[in-house]
Amino acid sequence: MIDAVLKFLRESITVADIAYETGFDLQQLCESTSLVVELGADDLDMLLIAMDLEDNFEISISDAEIDELTSPAAIARLLGTKL
């Protein structure tokens, strides 16, 4: 699952926009990368990432679950409960 999440994040236009703005190299993205601290995502960015995940994986993510999307590993764990 982590490989699918990393692929999704590396190909996401939302994540690419955040990386461009913050200067983060998406090739350095790994399962433990903090989306807020290292990537530089803010609350709106995290909402957009959650919406992209919902569309891509055909799931629903609650507001409380968005707060748990702290890293690719955390996203993979959440997806594991939803798929």
PDB file of N, CA and C in Angstrom:
ATOM      1  N   MET A   1       0.820  -1.195   0.000  1.00  0.00           N
ATOM      2  CA  MET A   1       0.000   0.000   0.000  1.00  0.00           C
ATOM      3  C   MET A   1       0.866   1.263   0.000  1.00  0.00           C
ATOM      4  N   ILE A   2       1.994   1.233   0.719  1.00  0.00           N
ATOM      5  CA  ILE A   2       2.836   2.430   0.797  1.00  0.00           C
ATOM      6  C   ILE A   2       3.352   2.834  -0.574  1.00  0.00           C
ATOM      7  N   ASP A   3       3.654   1.858  -1.432  1.00  0.00           N
ATOM      8  CA  ASP A   3       4.133   2.191  -2.779  1.00  0.00           C
ATOM      9  C   ASP A   3       3.057   2.928  -3.573  1.00  0.00           C
ATOM     10  N   ALA A   4       1.804   2.491  -3.432  1.00  0.00           N
ATOM     11  CA  ALA A   4       0.698   3.161  -4.127  1.00  0.00           C
ATOM     12  C   ALA A   4       0.515   4.585  -3.615  1.00  0.00           C
ATOM     13  N   VAL A   5       0.669   4.777  -2.306  1.00  0.00           N
ATOM     14  CA  VAL A   5       0.525   6.106  -1.715  1.00  0.00           C
ATOM     15  C   VAL A   5       1.653   7.024  -2.187  1.00  0.00           C
ATOM     16  N   LEU A   6       2.885   6.535  -2.170  1.00  0.00           N
ATOM     17  CA  LEU A   6       4.014   7.356  -2.623  1.00  0.00           C
ATOM     18  C   LEU A   6       3.856   7.722  -4.093  1.00  0.00           C
ATOM     19  N   LYS A   7       3.424   6.775  -4.908  1.00  0.00           N
ATOM     20  CA  LYS A   7       3.204   7.045  -6.336  1.00  0.00           C
ATOM     21  C   LYS A   7       2.120   8.107  -6.498  1.00  0.00           C
ATOM     22  N   PHE A   8       1.019   7.945  -5.776  1.00  0.00           N
ATOM     23  CA  PHE A   8      -0.067   8.916  -5.835  1.00  0.00           C
ATOM     24  C   PHE A   8       0.428  10.315  -5.458  1.00  0.00           C
ATOM     25  N   LEU A   9       1.151  10.421  -4.338  1.00  0.00           N
ATOM     26  CA  LEU A   9       1.623  11.724  -3.877  1.00  0.00           C
ATOM     27  C   LEU A   9       2.609  12.350  -4.855  1.00  0.00           C
ATOM     28  N   ARG A  10       3.495  11.545  -5.414  1.00  0.00           N
ATOM     29  CA  ARG A  10       4.479  12.080  -6.365  1.00  0.00           C
ATOM     30  C   ARG A  10       3.829  12.560  -7.651  1.00  0.00           C
ATOM     31  N   GLU A  11       2.671  11.993  -8.001  1.00  0.00           N
ATOM     32  CA  GLU A  11       1.983  12.357  -9.235  1.00  0.00           C
ATOM     33  C   GLU A  11       0.861  13.365  -9.024  1.00  0.00           C
ATOM     34  N   SER A  12       0.567  13.688  -7.780  1.00  0.00           N
ATOM     35  CA  SER A  12      -0.517  14.608  -7.454  1.00  0.00           C
ATOM     36  C   SER A  12      -0.158  16.044  -7.832  1.00  0.00           C
ATOM     37  N   ILE A  13      -1.052  16.690  -8.557  1.00  0.00           N
ATOM     38  CA  ILE A  13      -0.831  18.100  -8.922  1.00  0.00           C
ATOM     39  C   ILE A  13      -0.820  18.965  -7.667  1.00  0.00           C
ATOM     40  N   THR A  14      -1.694  18.654  -6.720  1.00  0.00           N
ATOM     41  CA  THR A  14      -1.740  19.405  -5.454  1.00  0.00           C
ATOM     42  C   THR A  14      -0.400  19.330  -4.741  1.00  0.00           C
ATOM     43  N   VAL A  15       0.138  18.125  -4.602  1.00  0.00           N
ATOM     44  CA  VAL A  15       1.419  17.940  -3.913  1.00  0.00           C
ATOM     45  C   VAL A  15       2.549  18.592  -4.709  1.00  0.00           C
ATOM     46  N   ALA A  16       2.499  18.493  -6.030  1.00  0.00           N
ATOM     47  CA  ALA A  16       3.520  19.124  -6.867  1.00  0.00           C
ATOM     48  C   ALA A  16       3.513  20.639  -6.681  1.00  0.00           C
ATOM     49  N   ASP A  17       2.321  21.228  -6.580  1.00  0.00           N
ATOM     50  CA  ASP A  17       2.214  22.677  -6.353  1.00  0.00           C
ATOM     51  C   ASP A  17       2.811  23.074  -5.005  1.00  0.00           C
ATOM     52  N   ILE A  18       2.516  22.278  -3.968  1.00  0.00           N
ATOM     53  CA  ILE A  18       3.068  22.558  -2.640  1.00  0.00           C
ATOM     54  C   ILE A  18       4.592  22.454  -2.687  1.00  0.00           C
ATOM     55  N   ALA A  19       5.090  21.387  -3.293  1.00  0.00           N
ATOM     56  CA  ALA A  19       6.545  21.172  -3.382  1.00  0.00           C
ATOM     57  C   ALA A  19       7.212  22.308  -4.146  1.00  0.00           C
ATOM     58  N   TYR A  20       6.572  22.776  -5.214  1.00  0.00           N
ATOM     59  CA  TYR A  20       7.134  23.878  -5.992  1.00  0.00           C
ATOM     60  C   TYR A  20       7.236  25.141  -5.132  1.00  0.00           C
ATOM     61  N   GLU A  21       6.171  25.427  -4.386  1.00  0.00           N
ATOM     62  CA  GLU A  21       6.146  26.626  -3.547  1.00  0.00           C
ATOM     63  C   GLU A  21       7.175  26.568  -2.419  1.00  0.00           C
ATOM     64  N   THR A  22       7.395  25.377  -1.860  1.00  0.00           N
ATOM     65  CA  THR A  22       8.282  25.252  -0.701  1.00  0.00           C
ATOM     66  C   THR A  22       9.691  24.819  -1.065  1.00  0.00           C
ATOM     67  N   GLY A  23       9.890  24.402  -2.316  1.00  0.00           N
ATOM     68  CA  GLY A  23      11.213  23.948  -2.738  1.00  0.00           C
ATOM     69  C   GLY A  23      11.522  22.515  -2.330  1.00  0.00           C
ATOM     70  N   PHE A  24      10.492  21.754  -1.953  1.00  0.00           N
ATOM     71  CA  PHE A  24      10.695  20.359  -1.542  1.00  0.00           C
ATOM     72  C   PHE A  24      10.903  19.489  -2.775  1.00  0.00           C
ATOM     73  N   ASP A  25      11.912  18.633  -2.741  1.00  0.00           N
ATOM     74  CA  ASP A  25      12.200  17.699  -3.834  1.00  0.00           C
ATOM     75  C   ASP A  25      11.357  16.437  -3.640  1.00  0.00           C
ATOM     76  N   LEU A  26      10.382  16.224  -4.515  1.00  0.00           N
ATOM     77  CA  LEU A  26       9.482  15.081  -4.369  1.00  0.00           C
ATOM     78  C   LEU A  26      10.200  13.737  -4.457  1.00  0.00           C
ATOM     79  N   GLN A  27      11.401  13.708  -5.017  1.00  0.00           N
ATOM     80  CA  GLN A  27      12.165  12.459  -5.046  1.00  0.00           C
ATOM     81  C   GLN A  27      12.625  12.063  -3.647  1.00  0.00           C
ATOM     82  N   GLN A  28      12.624  13.022  -2.717  1.00  0.00           N
ATOM     83  CA  GLN A  28      13.002  12.747  -1.325  1.00  0.00           C
ATOM     84  C   GLN A  28      11.818  12.268  -0.488  1.00  0.00           C
ATOM     85  N   LEU A  29      10.623  12.260  -1.088  1.00  0.00           N
ATOM     86  CA  LEU A  29       9.427  11.826  -0.376  1.00  0.00           C
ATOM     87  C   LEU A  29       9.543  10.347  -0.021  1.00  0.00           C
ATOM     88  N   CYS A  30       9.396  10.044   1.258  1.00  0.00           N
ATOM     89  CA  CYS A  30       9.441   8.649   1.713  1.00  0.00           C
ATOM     90  C   CYS A  30       8.292   8.434   2.687  1.00  0.00           C
ATOM     91  N   GLU A  31       8.151   7.221   3.184  1.00  0.00           N
ATOM     92  CA  GLU A  31       6.984   6.911   4.013  1.00  0.00           C
ATOM     93  C   GLU A  31       6.918   7.712   5.307  1.00  0.00           C
ATOM     94  N   SER A  32       8.048   8.199   5.792  1.00  0.00           N
ATOM     95  CA  SER A  32       8.054   8.946   7.051  1.00  0.00           C
ATOM     96  C   SER A  32       8.088  10.460   6.874  1.00  0.00           C
ATOM     97  N   THR A  33       8.059  10.949   5.647  1.00  0.00           N
ATOM     98  CA  THR A  33       8.093  12.387   5.399  1.00  0.00           C
ATOM     99  C   THR A  33       6.876  13.064   6.034  1.00  0.00           C
ATOM    100  N   SER A  34       7.117  14.090   6.828  1.00  0.00           N
ATOM    101  CA  SER A  34       6.016  14.868   7.408  1.00  0.00           C
ATOM    102  C   SER A  34       5.455  15.784   6.333  1.00  0.00           C
ATOM    103  N   LEU A  35       4.165  15.628   6.050  1.00  0.00           N
ATOM    104  CA  LEU A  35       3.554  16.444   5.005  1.00  0.00           C
ATOM    105  C   LEU A  35       3.470  17.912   5.408  1.00  0.00           C
ATOM    106  N   VAL A  36       3.387  18.179   6.704  1.00  0.00           N
ATOM    107  CA  VAL A  36       3.295  19.560   7.179  1.00  0.00           C
ATOM    108  C   VAL A  36       4.691  20.150   7.403  1.00  0.00           C
ATOM    109  N   VAL A  37       5.523  19.464   8.173  1.00  0.00           N
ATOM    110  CA  VAL A  37       6.827  20.011   8.547  1.00  0.00           C
ATOM    111  C   VAL A  37       7.804  19.999   7.369  1.00  0.00           C
ATOM    112  N   GLU A  38       7.950  18.866   6.706  1.00  0.00           N
ATOM    113  CA  GLU A  38       8.955  18.756   5.646  1.00  0.00           C
ATOM    114  C   GLU A  38       8.444  19.238   4.290  1.00  0.00           C
ATOM    115  N   LEU A  39       7.244  18.813   3.901  1.00  0.00           N
ATOM    116  CA  LEU A  39       6.685  19.231   2.613  1.00  0.00           C
ATOM    117  C   LEU A  39       6.217  20.673   2.675  1.00  0.00           C
ATOM    118  N   GLY A  40       5.680  21.082   3.835  1.00  0.00           N
ATOM    119  CA  GLY A  40       5.217  22.456   3.999  1.00  0.00           C
ATOM    120  C   GLY A  40       3.733  22.649   3.733  1.00  0.00           C
ATOM    121  N   ALA A  41       2.948  21.567   3.794  1.00  0.00           N
ATOM    122  CA  ALA A  41       1.512  21.666   3.557  1.00  0.00           C
ATOM    123  C   ALA A  41       0.823  22.380   4.724  1.00  0.00           C
ATOM    124  N   ASP A  42      -0.126  23.254   4.400  1.00  0.00           N
ATOM    125  CA  ASP A  42      -0.921  23.904   5.445  1.00  0.00           C
ATOM    126  C   ASP A  42      -2.294  23.219   5.513  1.00  0.00           C
ATOM    127  N   ASP A  43      -3.194  23.759   6.309  1.00  0.00           N
ATOM    128  CA  ASP A  43      -4.511  23.126   6.504  1.00  0.00           C
ATOM    129  C   ASP A  43      -5.286  22.994   5.192  1.00  0.00           C
ATOM    130  N   LEU A  44      -5.272  24.040   4.377  1.00  0.00           N
ATOM    131  CA  LEU A  44      -5.970  23.982   3.095  1.00  0.00           C
ATOM    132  C   LEU A  44      -5.339  22.928   2.185  1.00  0.00           C
ATOM    133  N   ASP A  45      -4.011  22.883   2.162  1.00  0.00           N
ATOM    134  CA  ASP A  45      -3.319  21.866   1.362  1.00  0.00           C
ATOM    135  C   ASP A  45      -3.726  20.464   1.795  1.00  0.00           C
ATOM    136  N   MET A  46      -3.822  20.244   3.106  1.00  0.00           N
ATOM    137  CA  MET A  46      -4.186  18.919   3.609  1.00  0.00           C
ATOM    138  C   MET A  46      -5.622  18.563   3.219  1.00  0.00           C
ATOM    139  N   LEU A  47      -6.504  19.555   3.207  1.00  0.00           N
ATOM    140  CA  LEU A  47      -7.872  19.321   2.756  1.00  0.00           C
ATOM    141  C   LEU A  47      -7.876  18.933   1.280  1.00  0.00           C
ATOM    142  N   LEU A  48      -7.092  19.627   0.476  1.00  0.00           N
ATOM    143  CA  LEU A  48      -7.011  19.314  -0.955  1.00  0.00           C
ATOM    144  C   LEU A  48      -6.413  17.930  -1.195  1.00  0.00           C
ATOM    145  N   ILE A  49      -5.390  17.574  -0.427  1.00  0.00           N
ATOM    146  CA  ILE A  49      -4.802  16.234  -0.538  1.00  0.00           C
ATOM    147  C   ILE A  49      -5.853  15.183  -0.179  1.00  0.00           C
ATOM    148  N   ALA A  50      -6.613  15.424   0.886  1.00  0.00           N
ATOM    149  CA  ALA A  50      -7.661  14.483   1.287  1.00  0.00           C
ATOM    150  C   ALA A  50      -8.710  14.338   0.186  1.00  0.00           C
ATOM    151  N   MET A  51      -9.093  15.442  -0.429  1.00  0.00           N
ATOM    152  CA  MET A  51     -10.072  15.389  -1.518  1.00  0.00           C
ATOM    153  C   MET A  51      -9.519  14.601  -2.704  1.00  0.00           C
ATOM    154  N   ASP A  52      -8.242  14.804  -3.005  1.00  0.00           N
ATOM    155  CA  ASP A  52      -7.604  14.039  -4.083  1.00  0.00           C
ATOM    156  C   ASP A  52      -7.583  12.546  -3.755  1.00  0.00           C
ATOM    157  N   LEU A  53      -7.289  12.219  -2.500  1.00  0.00           N
ATOM    158  CA  LEU A  53      -7.295  10.812  -2.076  1.00  0.00           C
ATOM    159  C   LEU A  53      -8.689  10.218  -2.216  1.00  0.00           C
ATOM    160  N   GLU A  54      -9.705  10.978  -1.813  1.00  0.00           N
ATOM    161  CA  GLU A  54     -11.080  10.500  -1.929  1.00  0.00           C
ATOM    162  C   GLU A  54     -11.434  10.190  -3.378  1.00  0.00           C
ATOM    163  N   ASP A  55     -11.070  11.097  -4.272  1.00  0.00           N
ATOM    164  CA  ASP A  55     -11.367  10.896  -5.692  1.00  0.00           C
ATOM    165  C   ASP A  55     -10.590   9.720  -6.271  1.00  0.00           C
ATOM    166  N   ASN A  56      -9.313   9.660  -5.953  1.00  0.00           N
ATOM    167  CA  ASN A  56      -8.447   8.642  -6.546  1.00  0.00           C
ATOM    168  C   ASN A  56      -8.758   7.230  -6.040  1.00  0.00           C
ATOM    169  N   PHE A  57      -8.999   7.111  -4.734  1.00  0.00           N
ATOM    170  CA  PHE A  57      -9.207   5.791  -4.138  1.00  0.00           C
ATOM    171  C   PHE A  57     -10.687   5.478  -3.875  1.00  0.00           C
ATOM    172  N   GLU A  58     -11.582   6.417  -4.262  1.00  0.00           N
ATOM    173  CA  GLU A  58     -13.026   6.245  -4.109  1.00  0.00           C
ATOM    174  C   GLU A  58     -13.406   5.887  -2.671  1.00  0.00           C
ATOM    175  N   ILE A  59     -12.955   6.742  -1.750  1.00  0.00           N
ATOM    176  CA  ILE A  59     -13.235   6.582  -0.324  1.00  0.00           C
ATOM    177  C   ILE A  59     -13.770   7.903   0.212  1.00  0.00           C
ATOM    178  N   SER A  60     -14.189   7.893   1.457  1.00  0.00           N
ATOM    179  CA  SER A  60     -14.616   9.100   2.147  1.00  0.00           C
ATOM    180  C   SER A  60     -13.696   9.304   3.358  1.00  0.00           C
ATOM    181  N   ILE A  61     -13.228  10.531   3.530  1.00  0.00           N
ATOM    182  CA  ILE A  61     -12.336  10.861   4.648  1.00  0.00           C
ATOM    183  C   ILE A  61     -13.008  11.942   5.485  1.00  0.00           C
ATOM    184  N   SER A  62     -13.190  11.666   6.764  1.00  0.00           N
ATOM    185  CA  SER A  62     -13.822  12.641   7.663  1.00  0.00           C
ATOM    186  C   SER A  62     -12.836  13.757   8.016  1.00  0.00           C
ATOM    187  N   ASP A  63     -13.382  14.837   8.560  1.00  0.00           N
ATOM    188  CA  ASP A  63     -12.530  15.949   8.993  1.00  0.00           C
ATOM    189  C   ASP A  63     -11.518  15.490  10.036  1.00  0.00           C
ATOM    190  N   ALA A  64     -11.948  14.644  10.955  1.00  0.00           N
ATOM    191  CA  ALA A  64     -11.042  14.141  11.995  1.00  0.00           C
ATOM    192  C   ALA A  64      -9.921  13.308  11.388  1.00  0.00           C
ATOM    193  N   GLU A  65     -10.244  12.543  10.355  1.00  0.00           N
ATOM    194  CA  GLU A  65      -9.231  11.712   9.710  1.00  0.00           C
ATOM    195  C   GLU A  65      -8.205  12.543   8.940  1.00  0.00           C
ATOM    196  N   ILE A  66      -8.614  13.696   8.454  1.00  0.00           N
ATOM    197  CA  ILE A  66      -7.671  14.568   7.742  1.00  0.00           C
ATOM    198  C   ILE A  66      -6.507  14.929   8.664  1.00  0.00           C
ATOM    199  N   ASP A  67      -6.804  15.152   9.934  1.00  0.00           N
ATOM    200  CA  ASP A  67      -5.759  15.488  10.904  1.00  0.00           C
ATOM    201  C   ASP A  67      -4.759  14.358  11.092  1.00  0.00           C
ATOM    202  N   GLU A  68      -5.161  13.128  10.772  1.00  0.00           N
ATOM    203  CA  GLU A  68      -4.288  11.960  10.916  1.00  0.00           C
ATOM    204  C   GLU A  68      -3.376  11.757   9.705  1.00  0.00           C
ATOM    205  N   LEU A  69      -3.592  12.496   8.626  1.00  0.00           N
ATOM    206  CA  LEU A  69      -2.813  12.320   7.397  1.00  0.00           C
ATOM    207  C   LEU A  69      -1.487  13.074   7.500  1.00  0.00           C
ATOM    208  N   THR A  70      -0.645  12.628   8.399  1.00  0.00           N
ATOM    209  CA  THR A  70       0.590  13.345   8.693  1.00  0.00           C
ATOM    210  C   THR A  70       1.773  12.944   7.829  1.00  0.00           C
ATOM    211  N   SER A  71       1.696  11.768   7.223  1.00  0.00           N
ATOM    212  CA  SER A  71       2.808  11.245   6.417  1.00  0.00           C
ATOM    213  C   SER A  71       2.260  10.220   5.436  1.00  0.00           C
ATOM    214  N   PRO A  72       3.051   9.858   4.433  1.00  0.00           N
ATOM    215  CA  PRO A  72       2.608   8.778   3.532  1.00  0.00           C
ATOM    216  C   PRO A  72       2.268   7.489   4.286  1.00  0.00           C
ATOM    217  N   ALA A  73       3.028   7.160   5.323  1.00  0.00           N
ATOM    218  CA  ALA A  73       2.736   5.949   6.106  1.00  0.00           C
ATOM    219  C   ALA A  73       1.372   6.057   6.780  1.00  0.00           C
ATOM    220  N   ALA A  74       1.045   7.227   7.311  1.00  0.00           N
ATOM    221  CA  ALA A  74      -0.259   7.427   7.947  1.00  0.00           C
ATOM    222  C   ALA A  74      -1.383   7.333   6.923  1.00  0.00           C
ATOM    223  N   ILE A  75      -1.151   7.854   5.725  1.00  0.00           N
ATOM    224  CA  ILE A  75      -2.147   7.735   4.657  1.00  0.00           C
ATOM    225  C   ILE A  75      -2.357   6.265   4.304  1.00  0.00           C
ATOM    226  N   ALA A  76      -1.270   5.517   4.191  1.00  0.00           N
ATOM    227  CA  ALA A  76      -1.368   4.087   3.867  1.00  0.00           C
ATOM    228  C   ALA A  76      -2.157   3.341   4.943  1.00  0.00           C
ATOM    229  N   ARG A  77      -1.925   3.686   6.205  1.00  0.00           N
ATOM    230  CA  ARG A  77      -2.669   3.035   7.302  1.00  0.00           C
ATOM    231  C   ARG A  77      -4.176   3.343   7.182  1.00  0.00           C
ATOM    232  N   LEU A  78      -4.491   4.606   6.910  1.00  0.00           N
ATOM    233  CA  LEU A  78      -5.894   4.982   6.768  1.00  0.00           C
ATOM    234  C   LEU A  78      -6.530   4.264   5.583  1.00  0.00           C
ATOM    235  N   LEU A  79      -5.832   4.249   4.461  1.00  0.00           N
ATOM    236  CA  LEU A  79      -6.367   3.562   3.288  1.00  0.00           C
ATOM    237  C   LEU A  79      -6.564   2.076   3.567  1.00  0.00           C
ATOM    238  N   GLY A  80      -5.680   1.495   4.358  1.00  0.00           N
ATOM    239  CA  GLY A  80      -5.814   0.092   4.711  1.00  0.00           C
ATOM    240  C   GLY A  80      -7.100  -0.212   5.453  1.00  0.00           C
ATOM    241  N   THR A  81      -7.608   0.775   6.176  1.00  0.00           N
ATOM    242  CA  THR A  81      -8.880   0.581   6.895  1.00  0.00           C
ATOM    243  C   THR A  81     -10.085   0.858   6.025  1.00  0.00           C
ATOM    244  N   LYS A  82      -9.863   1.551   4.906  1.00  0.00           N
ATOM    245  CA  LYS A  82     -10.977   1.977   4.056  1.00  0.00           C
ATOM    246  C   LYS A  82     -11.163   1.109   2.813  1.00  0.00           C
ATOM    247  N   LEU A  83     -10.118   0.444   2.385  1.00  0.00           N
ATOM    248  CA  LEU A  83     -10.207  -0.336   1.137  1.00  0.00           C
ATOM    249  C   LEU A  83     -10.458  -1.793   1.405  1.00  0.00           C
TER     250      LEU A  83
END
